[in-house]
C-alpha atoms as a PDB file:
ATOM      1  CA  MET A   1      80.499 -16.206 -31.424  1.00  0.00           C
ATOM      2  CA  ARG A   2      78.245 -14.762 -34.115  1.00  0.00           C
ATOM      3  CA  LYS A   3      76.180 -17.916 -34.130  1.00  0.00           C
ATOM      4  CA  LEU A   4      75.812 -17.805 -30.344  1.00  0.00           C
ATOM      5  CA  ALA A   5      74.698 -14.127 -30.440  1.00  0.00           C
ATOM      6  CA  ILE A   6      72.065 -14.838 -33.049  1.00  0.00           C
ATOM      7  CA  THR A   7      70.774 -17.770 -30.995  1.00  0.00           C
ATOM      8  CA  ALA A   8      70.518 -15.645 -27.808  1.00  0.00           C
ATOM      9  CA  LEU A   9      68.679 -12.875 -29.660  1.00  0.00           C
ATOM     10  CA  LEU A  10      66.227 -15.326 -31.169  1.00  0.00           C
ATOM     11  CA  THR A  11      65.568 -16.883 -27.758  1.00  0.00           C
ATOM     12  CA  SER A  12      64.860 -13.433 -26.262  1.00  0.00           C
ATOM     13  CA  VAL A  13      62.445 -12.539 -29.063  1.00  0.00           C
ATOM     14  CA  LEU A  14      60.574 -15.816 -28.726  1.00  0.00           C
ATOM     15  CA  ALA A  15      60.337 -15.419 -24.949  1.00  0.00           C
ATOM     16  CA  SER A  16      58.930 -11.905 -25.358  1.00  0.00           C
ATOM     17  CA  ALA A  17      56.380 -13.166 -27.824  1.00  0.00           C
ATOM     18  CA  CYS A  18      55.144 -15.711 -25.304  1.00  0.00           C
ATOM     19  CA  ILE A  19      54.414 -13.077 -22.621  1.00  0.00           C
ATOM     20  CA  THR A  20      50.694 -12.167 -22.756  1.00  0.00           C
ATOM     21  CA  THR A  21      48.517  -9.741 -20.810  1.00  0.00           C
ATOM     22  CA  PRO A  22      45.950 -11.527 -18.588  1.00  0.00           C
ATOM     23  CA  ASN A  23      42.294 -11.603 -19.525  1.00  0.00           C
ATOM     24  CA  PHE A  24      40.216  -9.740 -16.935  1.00  0.00           C
ATOM     25  CA  TYR A  25      36.471 -10.329 -17.042  1.00  0.00           C
ATOM     26  CA  VAL A  26      33.799  -8.660 -14.865  1.00  0.00           C
ATOM     27  CA  GLU A  27      30.179  -9.760 -14.699  1.00  0.00           C
ATOM     28  CA  LYS A  28      27.050  -8.732 -12.808  1.00  0.00           C
ATOM     29  CA  ASN A  29      24.602 -11.184 -11.243  1.00  0.00           C
ATOM     30  CA  GLY A  30      21.591 -11.075  -8.947  1.00  0.00           C
ATOM     31  CA  GLU A  31      18.093  -9.670  -9.467  1.00  0.00           C
ATOM     32  CA  GLY A  32      19.014  -6.063  -8.758  1.00  0.00           C
ATOM     33  CA  GLN A  33      20.461  -3.329 -10.927  1.00  0.00           C
ATOM     34  CA  GLY A  34      23.873  -1.694 -10.820  1.00  0.00           C
ATOM     35  CA  VAL A  35      27.041  -0.705 -12.655  1.00  0.00           C
ATOM     36  CA  ILE A  36      30.701  -1.637 -12.174  1.00  0.00           C
ATOM     37  CA  THR A  37      33.516   0.814 -12.885  1.00  0.00           C
ATOM     38  CA  SER A  38      37.280   0.897 -12.376  1.00  0.00           C
ATOM     39  CA  ASP A  39      39.800   3.539 -11.446  1.00  0.00           C
ATOM     40  CA  THR A  40      41.756   2.737 -14.612  1.00  0.00           C
ATOM     41  CA  GLY A  41      38.788   3.426 -16.869  1.00  0.00           C
ATOM     42  CA  ASP A  42      39.054  -0.046 -18.384  1.00  0.00           C
ATOM     43  CA  VAL A  43      35.816  -1.210 -16.744  1.00  0.00           C
ATOM     44  CA  ASP A  44      32.488   0.619 -17.090  1.00  0.00           C
ATOM     45  CA  CYS A  45      29.615  -1.772 -17.526  1.00  0.00           C
ATOM     46  CA  GLY A  46      26.105  -2.530 -16.439  1.00  0.00           C
ATOM     47  CA  GLU A  47      26.130  -6.156 -17.529  1.00  0.00           C
ATOM     48  CA  ASP A  48      29.356  -7.915 -18.533  1.00  0.00           C
ATOM     49  CA  CYS A  49      32.674  -6.475 -19.678  1.00  0.00           C
ATOM     50  CA  GLY A  50      36.382  -7.092 -19.586  1.00  0.00           C
ATOM     51  CA  GLY A  51      39.607  -6.883 -21.494  1.00  0.00           C
ATOM     52  CA  LEU A  52      43.364  -7.342 -21.324  1.00  0.00           C
ATOM     53  CA  ILE A  53      44.382  -5.831 -18.001  1.00  0.00           C
ATOM     54  CA  GLU A  54      47.485  -6.285 -15.859  1.00  0.00           C
ATOM     55  CA  GLY A  55      48.519  -4.811 -12.554  1.00  0.00           C
ATOM     56  CA  PRO A  56      46.536  -3.205  -9.739  1.00  0.00           C
ATOM     57  CA  ILE A  57      42.922  -2.210 -10.349  1.00  0.00           C
ATOM     58  CA  THR A  58      40.183  -0.836  -8.097  1.00  0.00           C
ATOM     59  CA  LEU A  59      36.594  -1.751  -8.934  1.00  0.00           C
ATOM     60  CA  THR A  60      33.527   0.069  -7.615  1.00  0.00           C
ATOM     61  CA  ALA A  61      30.030  -1.458  -7.634  1.00  0.00           C
ATOM     62  CA  THR A  62      27.232   1.139  -7.597  1.00  0.00           C
ATOM     63  CA  PRO A  63      23.691  -0.185  -6.977  1.00  0.00           C
ATOM     64  CA  GLY A  64      20.863   1.071  -9.167  1.00  0.00           C
ATOM     65  CA  PHE A  65      17.321   2.053  -8.274  1.00  0.00           C
ATOM     66  CA  ALA A  66      15.751  -0.055  -5.489  1.00  0.00           C
ATOM     67  CA  SER A  67      18.831  -2.293  -5.392  1.00  0.00           C
ATOM     68  CA  VAL A  68      21.620  -3.077  -2.916  1.00  0.00           C
ATOM     69  CA  PHE A  69      25.118  -4.409  -3.419  1.00  0.00           C
ATOM     70  CA  GLY A  70      25.388  -8.037  -2.292  1.00  0.00           C
ATOM     71  CA  GLY A  71      29.145  -8.691  -2.481  1.00  0.00           C
ATOM     72  CA  TRP A  72      31.935  -9.900  -4.767  1.00  0.00           C
ATOM     73  CA  SER A  73      32.800 -13.428  -5.827  1.00  0.00           C
ATOM     74  CA  GLY A  74      35.641 -14.933  -7.823  1.00  0.00           C
ATOM     75  CA  THR A  75      38.489 -13.497  -5.775  1.00  0.00           C
ATOM     76  CA  ASP A  76      39.616 -13.593  -2.157  1.00  0.00           C
ATOM     77  CA  SER A  77      40.728  -9.966  -2.408  1.00  0.00           C
ATOM     78  CA  CYS A  78      37.192  -8.596  -2.260  1.00  0.00           C
ATOM     79  CA  GLY A  79      34.261  -9.164   0.032  1.00  0.00           C
ATOM     80  CA  ALA A  80      31.123  -7.306   1.052  1.00  0.00           C
ATOM     81  CA  GLU A  81      32.324  -3.744   0.488  1.00  0.00           C
ATOM     82  CA  PRO A  82      31.388  -2.129  -2.860  1.00  0.00           C
ATOM     83  CA  THR A  83      35.007  -1.059  -3.503  1.00  0.00           C
ATOM     84  CA  CYS A  84      37.454  -3.824  -4.415  1.00  0.00           C
ATOM     85  CA  THR A  85      41.219  -3.498  -5.060  1.00  0.00           C
ATOM     86  CA  LEU A  86      43.163  -6.413  -6.502  1.00  0.00           C
ATOM     87  CA  GLU A  87      46.296  -7.256  -8.441  1.00  0.00           C
ATOM     88  CA  VAL A  88      45.699  -8.797 -11.859  1.00  0.00           C
ATOM     89  CA  ASN A  89      48.580 -11.059 -12.851  1.00  0.00           C
ATOM     90  CA  GLU A  90      46.646 -13.954 -14.350  1.00  0.00           C
ATOM     91  CA  ASP A  91      43.353 -14.554 -16.114  1.00  0.00           C
ATOM     92  CA  THR A  92      40.632 -13.460 -13.694  1.00  0.00           C
ATOM     93  CA  ARG A  93      36.857 -13.568 -13.662  1.00  0.00           C
ATOM     94  CA  ILE A  94      35.066 -11.608 -10.921  1.00  0.00           C
ATOM     95  CA  SER A  95      31.362 -11.104 -10.232  1.00  0.00           C
ATOM     96  CA  ALA A  96      29.409  -8.389  -8.436  1.00  0.00           C
ATOM     97  CA  ARG A  97      25.984  -9.271  -7.078  1.00  0.00           C
ATOM     98  CA  PHE A  98      23.167  -6.754  -6.938  1.00  0.00           C
ATOM     99  CA  ASP A  99      20.026  -7.697  -5.023  1.00  0.00           C
ATOM    100  CA  ILE A 100      16.555  -6.192  -4.850  1.00  0.00           C
ATOM    101  CA  GLY A 101      16.409  -3.767  -1.954  1.00  0.00           C
ATOM    102  CA  THR A 102      14.300  -4.373   1.135  1.00  0.00           C
ATOM    103  CA  ASN A 103      12.159  -2.248   3.443  1.00  0.00           C
ATOM    104  CA  LEU A 104      11.127  -2.813   7.048  1.00  0.00           C
ATOM    105  CA  LEU A 105       7.518  -3.030   8.236  1.00  0.00           C
ATOM    106  CA  THR A 106       6.959  -2.342  11.926  1.00  0.00           C
ATOM    107  CA  VAL A 107       3.491  -2.584  13.453  1.00  0.00           C
ATOM    108  CA  THR A 108       2.760  -1.135  16.857  1.00  0.00           C
ATOM    109  CA  PRO A 109       0.970  -3.531  19.227  1.00  0.00           C
ATOM    110  CA  VAL A 110      -2.425  -2.492  20.583  1.00  0.00           C
ATOM    111  CA  GLU A 111      -4.655  -3.489  23.450  1.00  0.00           C
ATOM    112  CA  HIS A 112      -7.771  -5.475  22.554  1.00  0.00           C
ATOM    113  CA  GLY A 113      -6.321  -6.877  19.315  1.00  0.00           C
ATOM    114  CA  VAL A 114      -3.627  -8.928  17.565  1.00  0.00           C
ATOM    115  CA  ILE A 115      -2.113  -7.671  14.286  1.00  0.00           C
ATOM    116  CA  HIS A 116      -1.286 -10.097  11.482  1.00  0.00           C
ATOM    117  CA  ALA A 117       0.750  -9.909   8.243  1.00  0.00           C
ATOM    118  CA  HIS A 118       3.138 -12.251   6.458  1.00  0.00           C
ATOM    119  CA  GLY A 119       5.792 -13.029   9.090  1.00  0.00           C
ATOM    120  CA  ILE A 120       4.084 -10.853  11.713  1.00  0.00           C
ATOM    121  CA  ASP A 121       1.981 -11.928  14.695  1.00  0.00           C
ATOM    122  CA  CYS A 122       1.861  -8.884  16.950  1.00  0.00           C
ATOM    123  CA  GLY A 123       1.299  -9.605  19.977  1.00  0.00           C
ATOM    124  CA  THR A 124       4.880 -10.645  20.103  1.00  0.00           C
ATOM    125  CA  ASP A 125       6.465 -10.562  16.627  1.00  0.00           C
ATOM    126  CA  CYS A 126       5.905  -7.053  15.261  1.00  0.00           C
ATOM    127  CA  THR A 127       8.526  -6.506  12.524  1.00  0.00           C
ATOM    128  CA  GLU A 128       9.325  -8.086   9.160  1.00  0.00           C
ATOM    129  CA  THR A 129      11.529  -7.232   6.176  1.00  0.00           C
ATOM    130  CA  PHE A 130       9.992  -7.261   2.689  1.00  0.00           C
ATOM    131  CA  ARG A 131      11.594  -6.828  -0.718  1.00  0.00           C
ATOM    132  CA  TYR A 132      11.090  -3.526  -2.450  1.00  0.00           C
ATOM    133  CA  ASP A 133       7.655  -3.031  -4.073  1.00  0.00           C
ATOM    134  CA  ALA A 134       6.074  -6.086  -2.417  1.00  0.00           C
ATOM    135  CA  PHE A 135       2.382  -5.864  -1.460  1.00  0.00           C
ATOM    136  CA  VAL A 136       1.618  -6.652   2.187  1.00  0.00           C
ATOM    137  CA  THR A 137      -1.842  -7.045   3.749  1.00  0.00           C
ATOM    138  CA  ILE A 138      -2.231  -6.224   7.442  1.00  0.00           C
ATOM    139  CA  THR A 139      -5.268  -7.517   9.335  1.00  0.00           C
ATOM    140  CA  VAL A 140      -6.360  -7.186  12.946  1.00  0.00           C
ATOM    141  CA  THR A 141      -8.178  -9.732  15.090  1.00  0.00           C
ATOM    142  CA  THR A 142      -9.933  -7.614  17.713  1.00  0.00           C
ATOM    143  CA  ASP A 143     -11.657  -8.490  20.936  1.00  0.00           C
ATOM    144  CA  ARG A 144     -15.401  -8.938  20.447  1.00  0.00           C
ATOM    145  CA  GLU A 145     -16.413  -5.469  21.564  1.00  0.00           C
ATOM    146  CA  TRP A 146     -13.718  -3.594  19.608  1.00  0.00           C
ATOM    147  CA  GLU A 147     -13.206  -2.643  15.961  1.00  0.00           C
ATOM    148  CA  VAL A 148     -10.636  -0.906  13.738  1.00  0.00           C
ATOM    149  CA  VAL A 149     -11.645   2.704  13.018  1.00  0.00           C
ATOM    150  CA  GLY A 150      -8.448   3.977  11.379  1.00  0.00           C
ATOM    151  CA  TRP A 151      -4.704   3.616  10.857  1.00  0.00           C
ATOM    152  CA  GLU A 152      -1.645   5.622  11.857  1.00  0.00           C
ATOM    153  CA  GLY A 153       1.374   5.669   9.551  1.00  0.00           C
ATOM    154  CA  ALA A 154      -0.434   4.495   6.404  1.00  0.00           C
ATOM    155  CA  ASN A 155      -3.159   5.731   4.092  1.00  0.00           C
ATOM    156  CA  CYS A 156      -5.581   2.898   4.870  1.00  0.00           C
ATOM    157  CA  THR A 157      -9.251   2.606   5.780  1.00  0.00           C
ATOM    158  CA  GLY A 158     -11.362  -0.269   7.007  1.00  0.00           C
ATOM    159  CA  GLN A 159     -10.506  -3.357   9.010  1.00  0.00           C
ATOM    160  CA  SER A 160      -7.405  -4.242   6.923  1.00  0.00           C
ATOM    161  CA  CYS A 161      -4.518  -2.310   5.371  1.00  0.00           C
ATOM    162  CA  ILE A 162      -2.676  -3.088   2.104  1.00  0.00           C
ATOM    163  CA  LEU A 163       0.794  -1.564   1.790  1.00  0.00           C
ATOM    164  CA  ARG A 164       3.136  -1.353  -1.199  1.00  0.00           C
ATOM    165  CA  MET A 165       6.609  -1.585   0.268  1.00  0.00           C
ATOM    166  CA  THR A 166       8.351   1.187  -1.648  1.00  0.00           C
ATOM    167  CA  GLU A 167       9.582   2.476   1.719  1.00  0.00           C
ATOM    168  CA  SER A 168       9.734   1.388   5.347  1.00  0.00           C
ATOM    169  CA  PHE A 169       6.567   1.804   7.408  1.00  0.00           C
ATOM    170  CA  ILE A 170       5.627   2.063  11.073  1.00  0.00           C
ATOM    171  CA  VAL A 171       1.897   1.303  11.240  1.00  0.00           C
ATOM    172  CA  LYS A 172      -0.602   1.231  14.076  1.00  0.00           C
ATOM    173  CA  PRO A 173      -4.309   0.364  13.865  1.00  0.00           C
ATOM    174  CA  ILE A 174      -6.646   2.606  15.845  1.00  0.00           C
ATOM    175  CA  LEU A 175      -9.239   0.653  17.825  1.00  0.00           C
ATOM    176  CA  ALA A 176     -12.473   1.852  19.384  1.00  0.00           C
ATOM    177  CA  LEU A 177     -15.420   0.235  21.055  1.00  0.00           C
ATOM    178  CA  ARG A 178     -17.824  -1.124  18.492  1.00  0.00           C
ATOM    179  CA  LYS A 179     -20.949   0.967  17.825  1.00  0.00           C
ATOM    180  CA  VAL A 180     -24.461  -0.396  18.374  1.00  0.00           C
ATOM    181  CA  THR A 181     -27.490   1.102  16.644  1.00  0.00           C
ATOM    182  CA  LEU A 182     -30.498   1.665  18.909  1.00  0.00           C
ATOM    183  CA  SER A 183     -33.792   2.243  17.084  1.00  0.00           C
ATOM    184  CA  MET A 184     -36.722   3.881  18.838  1.00  0.00           C
ATOM    185  CA  ARG A 185     -40.339   3.593  17.657  1.00  0.00           C
ATOM    186  CA  ASN A 186     -43.029   5.677  19.265  1.00  0.00           C
ATOM    187  CA  VAL A 187     -46.669   4.515  18.999  1.00  0.00           C
ATOM    188  CA  SER A 188     -49.485   6.792  20.107  1.00  0.00           C
ATOM    189  CA  PRO A 189     -53.166   6.990  19.125  1.00  0.00           C
ATOM    190  CA  TYR A 190     -52.987  10.687  19.704  1.00  0.00           C
ATOM    191  CA  ALA A 191     -50.391  13.309  19.022  1.00  0.00           C
ATOM    192  CA  VAL A 192     -46.900  11.806  18.951  1.00  0.00           C
ATOM    193  CA  GLU A 193     -45.185  12.163  22.302  1.00  0.00           C
ATOM    194  CA  PRO A 194     -41.406  12.669  22.340  1.00  0.00           C
ATOM    195  CA  VAL A 195     -38.927  10.156  23.803  1.00  0.00           C
ATOM    196  CA  THR A 196     -35.376  11.122  24.832  1.00  0.00           C
ATOM    197  CA  SER A 197     -32.343   9.159  25.986  1.00  0.00           C
ATOM    198  CA  SER A 198     -29.485   9.359  28.434  1.00  0.00           C
ATOM    199  CA  PRO A 199     -26.733   9.410  27.200  1.00  0.00           C
ATOM    200  CA  ALA A 200     -28.063  11.774  24.561  1.00  0.00           C
ATOM    201  CA  GLY A 201     -28.758  10.502  21.075  1.00  0.00           C
ATOM    202  CA  ILE A 202     -32.422   9.519  20.972  1.00  0.00           C
ATOM    203  CA  SER A 203     -34.834  12.436  20.698  1.00  0.00           C
ATOM    204  CA  CYS A 204     -37.809  11.799  18.502  1.00  0.00           C
ATOM    205  CA  GLY A 205     -41.514  11.707  18.134  1.00  0.00           C
ATOM    206  CA  TYR A 206     -42.502   8.861  15.795  1.00  0.00           C
ATOM    207  CA  GLN A 207     -39.246   7.044  14.977  1.00  0.00           C
ATOM    208  CA  CYS A 208     -35.481   7.614  15.173  1.00  0.00           C
ATOM    209  CA  SER A 209     -32.181   5.873  15.884  1.00  0.00           C
ATOM    210  CA  ALA A 210     -28.740   6.627  17.284  1.00  0.00           C
ATOM    211  CA  GLN A 211     -25.421   4.850  17.781  1.00  0.00           C
ATOM    212  CA  PHE A 212     -23.809   4.162  21.133  1.00  0.00           C
ATOM    213  CA  GLU A 213     -20.675   2.307  22.184  1.00  0.00           C
ATOM    214  CA  VAL A 214     -21.259  -1.373  22.854  1.00  0.00           C
ATOM    215  CA  GLY A 215     -21.835  -2.059  26.545  1.00  0.00           C
ATOM    216  CA  THR A 216     -23.501   1.303  27.134  1.00  0.00           C
ATOM    217  CA  THR A 217     -26.613   1.318  29.330  1.00  0.00           C
ATOM    218  CA  VAL A 218     -29.198   3.659  27.782  1.00  0.00           C
ATOM    219  CA  THR A 219     -32.142   5.069  29.711  1.00  0.00           C
ATOM    220  CA  LEU A 220     -35.185   6.172  27.663  1.00  0.00           C
ATOM    221  CA  THR A 221     -37.654   8.652  29.067  1.00  0.00           C
ATOM    222  CA  ALA A 222     -41.171   9.225  27.731  1.00  0.00           C
ATOM    223  CA  SER A 223     -43.061  12.465  28.082  1.00  0.00           C
ATOM    224  CA  SER A 224     -45.626  10.795  30.365  1.00  0.00           C
ATOM    225  CA  ALA A 225     -45.839   7.793  32.667  1.00  0.00           C
ATOM    226  CA  ASN A 226     -48.878   6.446  30.750  1.00  0.00           C
ATOM    227  CA  VAL A 227     -46.741   4.308  28.411  1.00  0.00           C
ATOM    228  CA  SER A 228     -45.928   0.672  27.802  1.00  0.00           C
ATOM    229  CA  TRP A 229     -42.421  -0.379  26.743  1.00  0.00           C
ATOM    230  CA  SER A 230     -41.048  -3.310  24.784  1.00  0.00           C
ATOM    231  CA  GLY A 231     -37.379  -4.137  24.263  1.00  0.00           C
ATOM    232  CA  CYS A 232     -36.166  -2.665  27.537  1.00  0.00           C
ATOM    233  CA  VAL A 233     -36.465  -3.076  31.327  1.00  0.00           C
ATOM    234  CA  VAL A 234     -38.967  -0.929  33.213  1.00  0.00           C
ATOM    235  CA  ASP A 235     -38.513   0.198  36.799  1.00  0.00           C
ATOM    236  CA  PRO A 236     -41.997  -0.074  38.409  1.00  0.00           C
ATOM    237  CA  MET A 237     -41.198   3.028  40.427  1.00  0.00           C
ATOM    238  CA  LEU A 238     -40.490   4.985  37.220  1.00  0.00           C
ATOM    239  CA  PRO A 239     -42.969   3.735  34.586  1.00  0.00           C
ATOM    240  CA  GLY A 240     -42.133   6.597  32.243  1.00  0.00           C
ATOM    241  CA  GLN A 241     -38.598   5.251  31.851  1.00  0.00           C
ATOM    242  CA  CYS A 242     -36.913   2.084  30.662  1.00  0.00           C
ATOM    243  CA  SER A 243     -33.295   0.964  30.374  1.00  0.00           C
ATOM    244  CA  LEU A 244     -31.263  -1.498  28.305  1.00  0.00           C
ATOM    245  CA  LYS A 245     -27.631  -2.490  27.901  1.00  0.00           C
ATOM    246  CA  LEU A 246     -26.468  -2.458  24.290  1.00  0.00           C
ATOM    247  CA  ILE A 247     -24.725  -5.725  23.400  1.00  0.00           C
ATOM    248  CA  ALA A 248     -25.956  -6.650  19.901  1.00  0.00           C
ATOM    249  CA  ASP A 249     -25.183  -4.845  16.654  1.00  0.00           C
ATOM    250  CA  GLN A 250     -28.763  -3.523  16.474  1.00  0.00           C
ATOM    251  CA  GLN A 251     -31.396  -3.251  19.157  1.00  0.00           C
ATOM    252  CA  SER A 252     -34.841  -1.649  19.119  1.00  0.00           C
ATOM    253  CA  VAL A 253     -37.366  -0.307  21.616  1.00  0.00           C
ATOM    254  CA  THR A 254     -41.043   0.524  21.188  1.00  0.00           C
ATOM    255  CA  ALA A 255     -42.977   2.941  23.365  1.00  0.00           C
ATOM    256  CA  THR A 256     -46.760   2.679  23.164  1.00  0.00           C
ATOM    257  CA  TYR A 257     -48.806   5.386  24.784  1.00  0.00           C
ATOM    258  CA  ASN A 258     -52.054   4.162  26.361  1.00  0.00           C
END
């Protein structure tokens, strides 16, 4: 009996010695930043950590600056939610993925132009998602008589707009009819006679210029009918006047007093 008791005790001690606590290992992957913590206090890491853990544990993945949580891998108990509860009863390795965050660019379509950027052709496709801090160039192909004069929703000037996607943007280019410069030269052997225009803009003696919207018909009027014109069309019934439609970037008229 004594021998049997000693044998049973030895067997129990050996069996207890063979029972080990599982290894639990947590790692972070992806290009983003974040930390992983546990309700037990055994896990608190930004990169990799682990230890001897057994029983239930709840992990929480907290994304860092400009990052988003991308999901868990290594266990069927966890998925896309940042909080994960599982039972540890064997060696376990689990990963949390943190990705770079994204921001949405929306451009508002306009008449007389099509807006372009990477992944955008608006017209029809007017939104695209970009990773945080990406640089995006927006350009506009306008109808011939129109041009970009400003932007809504972004601090941009000129015909194109470069955005740094640290936030989401809703952007709209402002279009206007292109401007044409009309130059007026007044030639007189005597005292310089003034010439004016309708619409207003030209009002000068020797030489001046003004800008008008493309397609505008401008009528110039001299101070007397004793004048010859070049660069515009003269109505024989009104020799002191001439008219022209502005279609080129720059146009010029000369009035010569006889």
